[in-house]
Protein backbone atom coordinates (compact mmCIF):
# COMPACT_ATOMS: atom_id res chain seq x y z
CA MET A 1 -14.65 -17.48 -15.21
CA LYS A 2 -16.41 -14.19 -15.17
CA TRP A 3 -14.77 -11.55 -13.03
CA SER A 4 -16.58 -8.17 -13.92
CA ARG A 5 -18.35 -6.77 -16.65
CA GLY A 6 -16.04 -6.25 -19.54
CA SER A 7 -13.08 -8.13 -18.27
CA SER A 8 -11.94 -11.75 -17.99
CA PHE A 9 -10.23 -13.89 -15.21
CA PRO A 10 -7.23 -15.72 -15.61
CA THR A 11 -7.45 -19.72 -15.87
CA HIS A 12 -4.08 -20.01 -14.18
CA LEU A 13 -1.80 -18.52 -12.55
CA LEU A 14 2.21 -19.13 -12.33
CA TYR A 15 4.56 -18.06 -10.09
CA ALA A 16 8.07 -20.32 -9.77
CA ASP A 17 7.14 -23.87 -9.73
CA ASP A 18 3.67 -23.22 -8.70
CA ILE A 19 0.57 -23.62 -10.55
CA LEU A 20 -2.89 -22.28 -9.92
CA VAL A 21 -5.57 -23.65 -11.72
CA PHE A 22 -8.83 -22.08 -11.84
CA CYS A 23 -12.20 -24.08 -13.52
CA PRO A 24 -15.83 -25.00 -12.82
CA ALA A 25 -16.13 -27.97 -10.48
CA ASN A 26 -17.02 -30.94 -12.78
CA GLU A 27 -15.73 -34.16 -13.43
CA ARG A 28 -15.07 -33.46 -16.93
CA ASN A 29 -12.49 -30.58 -15.68
CA ALA A 30 -10.81 -32.54 -13.41
CA GLN A 31 -9.99 -35.75 -15.90
CA THR A 32 -8.93 -32.84 -18.37
CA ILE A 33 -6.64 -31.27 -15.63
CA ILE A 34 -5.07 -35.40 -15.17
CA ASN A 35 -4.66 -35.49 -18.86
CA ILE A 36 -2.79 -31.95 -19.42
CA LEU A 37 -0.62 -33.01 -16.62
CA ASP A 38 0.48 -36.41 -17.79
CA TYR A 39 0.93 -35.24 -21.12
CA TYR A 40 3.25 -32.23 -19.86
CA GLY A 41 5.08 -34.82 -17.57
CA LYS A 42 5.53 -37.23 -20.61
CA ILE A 43 7.06 -34.74 -22.77
CA SER A 44 9.03 -32.75 -20.34
CA GLY A 45 10.31 -35.34 -17.75
CA GLN A 46 8.68 -33.19 -14.87
CA SER A 47 6.07 -34.38 -12.89
CA PHE A 48 3.73 -32.92 -10.30
CA ASN A 49 4.34 -33.69 -6.16
CA PRO A 50 0.53 -35.07 -5.37
CA GLU A 51 1.45 -34.74 -1.59
CA LYS A 52 2.18 -31.13 -2.03
CA SER A 53 -1.04 -30.36 -4.42
CA GLN A 54 -4.54 -29.62 -2.83
CA ILE A 55 -8.10 -28.91 -4.13
CA PHE A 56 -10.12 -25.61 -2.73
CA PHE A 57 -13.45 -26.16 -3.28
CA SER A 58 -16.17 -23.25 -3.24
CA ASN A 59 -19.09 -23.21 -0.76
CA LYS A 60 -21.70 -23.84 -3.20
CA VAL A 61 -20.01 -27.13 -4.53
CA PRO A 62 -22.46 -30.13 -3.11
CA THR A 63 -20.76 -33.01 -1.06
CA PHE A 64 -21.38 -35.52 -3.65
CA LEU A 65 -19.62 -33.61 -6.65
CA ARG A 66 -16.68 -33.03 -4.26
CA HIS A 67 -16.19 -36.68 -3.51
CA SER A 68 -16.47 -37.70 -7.35
CA ILE A 69 -13.77 -34.90 -8.01
CA THR A 70 -11.52 -36.15 -5.29
CA ARG A 71 -11.46 -39.63 -6.68
CA THR A 72 -10.32 -38.25 -10.01
CA LEU A 73 -7.66 -36.10 -9.00
CA PRO A 74 -5.08 -37.53 -6.46
CA PHE A 75 -4.72 -34.43 -4.44
CA SER A 76 -5.59 -33.87 -0.79
CA VAL A 77 -8.58 -31.13 0.19
CA GLY A 78 -7.03 -27.86 1.24
CA ASN A 79 -9.16 -25.79 3.76
CA LEU A 80 -9.07 -22.23 4.60
CA PRO A 81 -7.09 -20.52 6.17
CA PHE A 82 -3.56 -21.77 5.23
CA ILE A 83 0.02 -20.43 4.76
CA TYR A 84 1.40 -19.62 1.17
CA LEU A 85 4.97 -18.18 0.59
CA GLY A 86 4.79 -17.22 4.36
CA VAL A 87 1.49 -15.01 4.37
CA PRO A 88 -1.55 -16.35 5.58
CA ILE A 89 -4.27 -16.97 2.78
CA PHE A 90 -7.96 -16.73 4.48
CA LYS A 91 -11.39 -15.21 3.71
CA GLY A 92 -13.27 -12.21 5.25
CA LYS A 93 -11.88 -9.44 7.36
CA VAL A 94 -8.06 -9.34 8.39
CA ARG A 95 -8.08 -10.28 12.19
CA ALA A 96 -5.27 -10.57 14.77
CA ALA A 97 -5.83 -14.43 14.99
CA HIS A 98 -4.90 -14.45 11.40
CA LEU A 99 -1.57 -13.06 11.81
CA ARG A 100 -0.91 -14.24 15.22
CA SER A 101 1.63 -16.64 13.86
CA ILE A 102 4.11 -14.29 12.07
CA HIS A 103 3.43 -11.77 15.37
CA ASP A 104 4.91 -14.70 17.65
CA LYS A 105 7.67 -15.41 15.31
CA ILE A 106 9.10 -12.08 15.47
CA LEU A 107 8.62 -12.36 19.34
CA ASN A 108 10.44 -15.69 19.48
CA LYS A 109 13.45 -13.68 17.75
CA PHE A 110 13.72 -11.43 20.57
CA SER A 111 13.95 -14.13 22.85
CA ARG A 112 17.18 -15.81 21.32
CA TRP A 113 19.03 -12.57 21.65
CA LYS A 114 21.15 -11.48 24.34
CA GLY A 115 20.13 -7.85 24.39
CA LEU A 116 21.64 -6.89 27.85
CA LYS A 117 25.03 -8.02 26.59
CA LEU A 118 24.71 -5.41 23.28
CA SER A 119 25.32 -2.29 23.20
CA MET A 120 22.43 0.36 21.98
CA ALA A 121 23.60 0.67 18.77
CA GLY A 122 23.79 -3.27 18.41
CA ARG A 123 20.42 -3.44 19.43
CA LEU A 124 19.14 -0.61 17.12
CA CYS A 125 20.93 -2.51 14.21
CA LEU A 126 19.06 -5.84 14.89
CA VAL A 127 15.66 -4.12 15.22
CA LYS A 128 16.07 -2.15 11.65
CA SER A 129 17.83 -5.07 9.78
CA VAL A 130 15.76 -8.19 10.95
CA ILE A 131 12.61 -7.26 12.73
CA GLN A 132 11.69 -5.00 10.60
CA SER A 133 12.92 -6.48 7.68
CA SER A 134 10.84 -9.95 8.31
CA LEU A 135 7.59 -8.12 8.60
CA THR A 136 7.99 -6.45 5.10
CA HIS A 137 6.35 -9.42 2.65
CA SER A 138 3.22 -9.79 5.16
CA MET A 139 2.67 -5.80 5.42
CA MET A 140 2.49 -5.52 1.45
CA VAL A 141 -0.46 -7.76 1.43
CA TYR A 142 -2.65 -6.98 4.45
CA ARG A 143 -3.42 -4.33 6.66
CA TRP A 144 -2.43 -5.22 10.16
CA PRO A 145 -4.97 -4.55 13.33
CA ARG A 146 -3.72 -1.80 15.42
CA GLN A 147 -3.33 -3.92 18.39
CA LEU A 148 -0.67 -6.23 16.78
CA LEU A 149 1.14 -3.02 15.53
CA HIS A 150 0.95 -1.45 18.91
CA GLU A 151 2.64 -4.56 20.50
CA LEU A 152 5.27 -4.73 18.01
CA ASP A 153 6.01 -1.08 18.63
CA SER A 154 6.27 -1.54 22.56
CA LYS A 155 8.75 -4.51 21.69
CA CYS A 156 10.87 -2.95 19.87
CA ARG A 157 11.09 0.30 22.14
CA ASN A 158 11.69 -1.67 25.17
CA PHE A 159 14.19 -3.86 23.41
CA ILE A 160 15.96 -1.12 21.97
CA TRP A 161 16.38 1.03 25.44
CA THR A 162 16.86 -1.92 28.02
CA GLY A 163 17.41 -4.92 26.06
CA ASP A 164 14.53 -6.44 27.47
CA THR A 165 11.13 -6.80 25.63
CA CYS A 166 9.21 -7.19 29.06
CA LYS A 167 10.68 -4.26 30.58
CA LYS A 168 9.29 -1.08 30.15
CA PRO A 169 12.04 1.79 29.80
CA SER A 170 11.74 5.06 32.03
CA CYS A 171 13.12 7.06 28.85
CA THR A 172 12.37 10.69 28.11
CA VAL A 173 12.71 10.46 24.87
CA ALA A 174 8.93 10.07 22.81
CA TRP A 175 8.72 6.87 20.48
CA ASN A 176 7.63 9.00 17.59
CA ARG A 177 10.69 10.92 17.91
CA VAL A 178 12.78 7.71 17.75
CA CYS A 179 11.12 6.86 14.54
CA SER A 180 11.67 10.00 12.84
CA ILE A 181 14.39 10.40 10.20
CA LYS A 182 18.24 10.83 11.30
CA THR A 183 18.11 14.54 9.91
CA GLU A 184 15.51 15.40 12.45
CA GLY A 185 17.01 14.11 15.17
CA GLY A 186 15.70 10.48 15.06
CA LEU A 187 17.02 7.19 14.65
CA GLY A 188 15.93 6.11 11.53
CA VAL A 189 13.75 3.42 13.01
CA ARG A 190 10.24 2.92 11.19
CA SER A 191 7.02 2.89 13.14
CA PHE A 192 5.25 -0.58 12.19
CA SER A 193 2.03 1.41 11.82
CA ILE A 194 3.72 3.58 9.21
CA MET A 195 5.32 0.96 7.41
CA ASN A 196 2.06 -1.07 6.79
CA LYS A 197 0.34 1.99 5.38
CA CYS A 198 3.15 3.00 2.97
CA PHE A 199 3.43 -0.57 1.53
CA LEU A 200 -0.10 -0.55 1.09
CA MET A 201 0.16 3.10 -0.92
CA LYS A 202 2.35 1.40 -3.00
CA ILE A 203 0.32 -1.46 -3.93
CA ALA A 204 -2.29 0.74 -4.23
CA TRP A 205 -0.89 3.10 -6.80
CA LYS A 206 0.14 0.15 -8.95
CA ILE A 207 -3.77 -0.51 -8.76
CA ILE A 208 -4.41 3.03 -9.70
CA CYS A 209 -1.88 2.94 -13.26
CA GLY A 210 -2.94 -0.43 -13.84
CA LYS A 211 0.28 -1.15 -15.71
CA ASP A 212 0.02 -4.90 -14.93
CA PHE A 213 -2.45 -7.74 -15.83
CA GLY A 214 -3.39 -8.98 -12.06
CA PHE A 215 -3.60 -4.94 -11.13
CA ASP A 216 -5.74 -4.45 -14.08
CA LEU A 217 -8.20 -7.08 -12.87
CA ILE A 218 -8.47 -5.55 -9.20
CA LYS A 219 -8.77 -2.15 -10.64
CA ASP A 220 -11.82 -2.85 -12.91
CA ARG A 221 -13.29 -4.85 -10.06
CA TYR A 222 -13.28 -2.01 -7.40
CA LEU A 223 -12.62 1.30 -9.23
CA ASN A 224 -14.48 3.46 -12.07
CA ARG A 225 -12.84 5.10 -14.61
CA PHE A 226 -12.20 8.10 -12.70
CA CYS A 227 -9.82 5.72 -10.05
CA ARG A 228 -12.84 5.98 -7.48
CA THR A 229 -14.15 3.12 -5.23
CA LYS A 230 -17.33 1.67 -6.14
CA ASN A 231 -19.63 0.58 -3.60
CA LEU A 232 -19.49 -3.04 -3.37
CA THR A 233 -21.05 -5.08 -0.80
CA THR A 234 -18.34 -8.09 -0.84
CA PRO A 235 -14.76 -6.54 -1.16
CA SER A 236 -11.90 -8.88 -0.82
CA THR A 237 -9.73 -9.43 1.79
CA LEU A 238 -6.79 -7.46 -0.20
CA TRP A 239 -8.84 -4.74 -0.84
CA MET A 240 -10.22 -3.96 2.46
CA GLY A 241 -6.87 -2.53 3.36
CA ILE A 242 -5.70 -1.14 0.30
CA ARG A 243 -9.17 0.75 -0.41
CA GLU A 244 -8.34 3.32 2.41
CA GLU A 245 -5.20 4.90 0.51
CA VAL A 246 -6.68 4.72 -2.81
CA GLY A 247 -8.80 7.98 -1.93
CA SER A 248 -5.88 9.86 -0.73
CA LEU A 249 -3.47 8.90 -3.22
CA VAL A 250 -6.09 9.99 -5.99
CA ASP A 251 -6.61 13.44 -4.11
CA ASN A 252 -2.92 13.99 -3.80
CA SER A 253 -2.08 13.59 -7.86
CA TYR A 254 -2.48 15.33 -10.77
CA SER A 255 -3.31 14.02 -14.31
CA PHE A 256 -1.74 14.65 -17.53
CA ILE A 257 -4.25 14.88 -20.11
CA GLY A 258 -4.23 12.68 -22.82
CA ASP A 259 -7.65 11.63 -24.77
CA GLY A 260 -9.24 13.19 -21.48
CA SER A 261 -11.28 9.83 -21.10
CA SER A 262 -9.91 8.61 -17.63
CA THR A 263 -9.88 12.25 -15.82
CA ASN A 264 -12.79 14.08 -14.30
CA PHE A 265 -13.39 17.32 -15.60
CA TRP A 266 -14.58 18.66 -12.02
CA THR A 267 -13.14 16.56 -9.11
CA ASP A 268 -9.72 15.63 -10.74
CA ASP A 269 -6.22 17.97 -10.65
CA TRP A 270 -5.30 18.41 -14.12
CA LEU A 271 -5.22 22.30 -14.42
CA GLY A 272 -2.91 22.80 -11.47
CA TYR A 273 -6.03 22.78 -9.50
CA ARG A 274 -9.51 21.40 -9.09
CA LEU A 275 -12.46 22.88 -10.57
CA ILE A 276 -14.49 22.15 -7.65
CA ASP A 277 -12.56 24.46 -5.60
CA LYS A 278 -11.92 27.13 -7.97
CA CYS A 279 -15.72 27.63 -9.18
CA HIS A 280 -17.00 26.89 -5.34
CA VAL A 281 -19.18 23.97 -6.40
CA PRO A 282 -21.45 22.91 -3.33
CA HIS A 283 -20.07 19.66 -1.53
CA PHE A 284 -23.15 18.06 -1.77
CA MET A 285 -22.71 18.05 -5.70
CA TRP A 286 -19.40 16.33 -6.12
CA ASN A 287 -20.92 12.91 -5.84
CA TYR A 288 -23.11 13.87 -9.05
CA LEU A 289 -20.10 15.54 -11.41
CA HIS A 290 -19.01 12.19 -13.33
CA TYR A 291 -18.03 14.09 -16.72
CA PRO A 292 -14.81 13.13 -18.19
CA VAL A 293 -12.41 15.82 -19.75
CA PHE A 294 -13.39 14.40 -23.48
CA ASP A 295 -17.17 15.51 -22.94
CA TYR A 296 -16.30 18.98 -23.19
CA PHE A 297 -13.67 18.43 -26.12
CA TYR A 298 -15.28 17.09 -29.31
CA ASP A 299 -14.76 18.00 -33.16
CA GLY A 300 -11.40 19.50 -32.05
CA VAL A 301 -13.03 22.46 -30.35
CA TRP A 302 -13.64 23.07 -26.37
CA HIS A 303 -17.26 23.47 -26.01
CA PHE A 304 -18.67 25.62 -22.50
CA THR A 305 -21.61 27.40 -21.94
CA GLN A 306 -21.69 31.23 -22.14
CA ASP A 307 -22.45 31.39 -18.19
CA PHE A 308 -19.32 29.04 -17.39
CA ILE A 309 -17.01 32.08 -19.74
CA ASN A 310 -18.25 35.00 -18.55
CA LEU A 311 -18.23 34.07 -14.98
CA TYR A 312 -14.83 32.02 -14.75
CA PRO A 313 -12.81 33.51 -17.59
CA HIS A 314 -9.49 32.86 -16.12
CA VAL A 315 -10.20 28.96 -16.00
CA VAL A 316 -11.26 28.96 -19.65
CA CYS A 317 -7.86 30.49 -20.45
CA ASP A 318 -6.09 27.86 -18.48
CA ILE A 319 -7.98 25.03 -20.13
CA LEU A 320 -7.38 26.21 -23.60
CA LEU A 321 -3.92 25.89 -23.09
CA ILE A 322 -4.28 22.17 -22.34
CA PRO A 323 -3.61 19.96 -25.69
CA ILE A 324 -6.05 16.98 -26.19
CA GLY A 325 -4.40 14.15 -27.55
CA GLU A 326 -4.84 10.09 -28.31
CA ASP A 327 -2.51 8.92 -25.74
CA THR A 328 -4.27 7.79 -22.56
CA ASP A 329 -4.44 9.77 -19.31
CA MET A 330 -1.29 9.50 -16.84
CA ARG A 331 -1.62 10.19 -13.15
CA TYR A 332 1.49 11.45 -11.01
CA TRP A 333 1.68 11.36 -7.29
CA LYS A 334 2.60 15.20 -5.94
CA HIS A 335 4.85 14.40 -3.13
CA SER A 336 7.37 12.69 -5.54
CA LEU A 337 9.97 13.79 -7.96
CA THR A 338 9.47 10.78 -10.27
CA GLY A 339 5.65 11.00 -9.78
CA ASN A 340 5.58 7.31 -8.80
CA VAL A 341 4.67 6.06 -5.23
CA SER A 342 7.62 3.66 -3.47
CA SER A 343 7.88 2.70 0.09
CA ALA A 344 10.71 4.95 0.31
CA ASN A 345 9.12 8.33 -0.43
CA ALA A 346 5.82 7.35 1.04
CA PHE A 347 7.52 6.77 4.29
CA ALA A 348 9.63 10.41 3.92
CA ASN A 349 6.31 11.95 3.41
CA ASP A 350 3.97 10.36 5.96
CA CYS A 351 6.70 9.96 8.87
CA HIS A 352 6.13 12.58 11.47
CA LYS A 353 9.17 14.90 11.68
CA PHE A 354 10.31 16.97 14.28
CA PRO A 355 11.78 20.62 13.67
CA ARG A 356 14.93 21.31 15.11
CA VAL A 357 14.29 24.97 15.14
CA VAL A 358 12.05 24.53 18.39
CA TRP A 359 14.56 23.04 20.15
CA GLY A 360 17.19 25.51 18.95
CA THR A 361 14.93 28.68 19.80
CA TRP A 362 14.94 27.17 23.63
CA LEU A 363 18.90 27.09 23.56
CA TRP A 364 19.04 30.43 21.65
CA GLU A 365 16.91 31.98 24.68
CA SER A 366 18.48 30.22 27.48
CA TYR A 367 22.39 30.60 26.82
CA ILE A 368 22.40 33.55 24.53
CA PRO A 369 19.99 35.99 25.49
CA VAL A 370 21.62 39.11 24.13
CA GLN A 371 23.65 38.31 20.79
CA ARG A 372 21.43 37.16 18.02
CA SER A 373 23.57 36.96 14.99
CA LEU A 374 23.32 34.55 12.11
CA ILE A 375 27.07 33.15 13.23
CA SER A 376 25.93 32.14 16.54
CA TRP A 377 22.52 30.60 15.31
CA ARG A 378 24.81 28.32 13.04
CA ILE A 379 27.13 27.10 15.72
CA ILE A 380 24.46 26.34 17.94
CA HIS A 381 22.19 24.59 15.47
CA ASN A 382 25.40 22.53 14.16
CA ARG A 383 26.05 21.44 17.90
CA LEU A 384 22.56 19.98 18.51
CA PRO A 385 22.67 16.85 20.15
CA THR A 386 20.71 14.04 18.14
CA LEU A 387 19.84 10.30 19.48
CA ASP A 388 22.30 8.96 16.72
CA ARG A 389 25.00 11.00 18.09
CA LEU A 390 24.31 10.06 21.69
CA ILE A 391 24.17 6.37 20.85
CA ARG A 392 27.57 6.31 19.09
């Protein structure tokens, strides 16, 4: 099967004891699949389960051909949407109706808990260890609708403060402060919208780096050689949620030059800054600058026009210090010490932090208007109450 120009699509995928086979819809291929499965069963002693196997046809397969294939293959015909590994598989834009079943399962867990008999610390532990961990798998695949994320956040907020998901609390602490990290005075509860974004950032970074066959397929399909999104009219359901994070990750990453083939000379950060900013390139020209670094380096020498050298001599000096090798270019995220994107450091970078200095300044001006020594400030700073201390 042809996937995109210059790349191939896999004929089969294996996961644990599941096998997915892709082939053109005709009777010859159907008979070949049966022969392969029978031969495998004879030499291994393992047989497939026809009751758990299904056939999925493309919309372009005619009806008479579907009937002939189903007579050859002893499998039932599957329809979209269906659940696979706990995640709904469907076609088109992600809508609330597709993920409503997962949303309802989370709400059913709340109904089985006796929140009124638990302490606030116990309710907090249930939300962090059970509710949020249950949604991790599905949030790594799709970008959830805001409506469902807002409902889940409100239910968790009500359960933590009152023990009842339907009872709205009269608390004086904002929910975004509760979702901040403990060192900033919060409880470490992750907002579902931030969780979803961080998980998609992790998948988007793997696609940008393209270190696996599956991620290479998506990268060849939807990204150009500079990791910029292509203008495709029929994106996949998976790509609809990931493409929003790709642009921000590329803009907040820097490139280590290898052969210079996958780094844009003008728009990528490979000198510690972008040349479009340093050289004050007009914004309307950015989309026309599709020149890799190796276009300016050939025969072992950098090649620039005399006008560019006269206008930006400091830029030319920085470029001459960059060695050109034979390895592929590498990208590193600026907000991580390792250069890679994980859900943990993505959350630490994106979560809203509330500086305790503002609160400390208010206490300072209210209770100690005269003495402003460093020792007194340290005492007040250490005694600032946090939500975690109030609960415990």
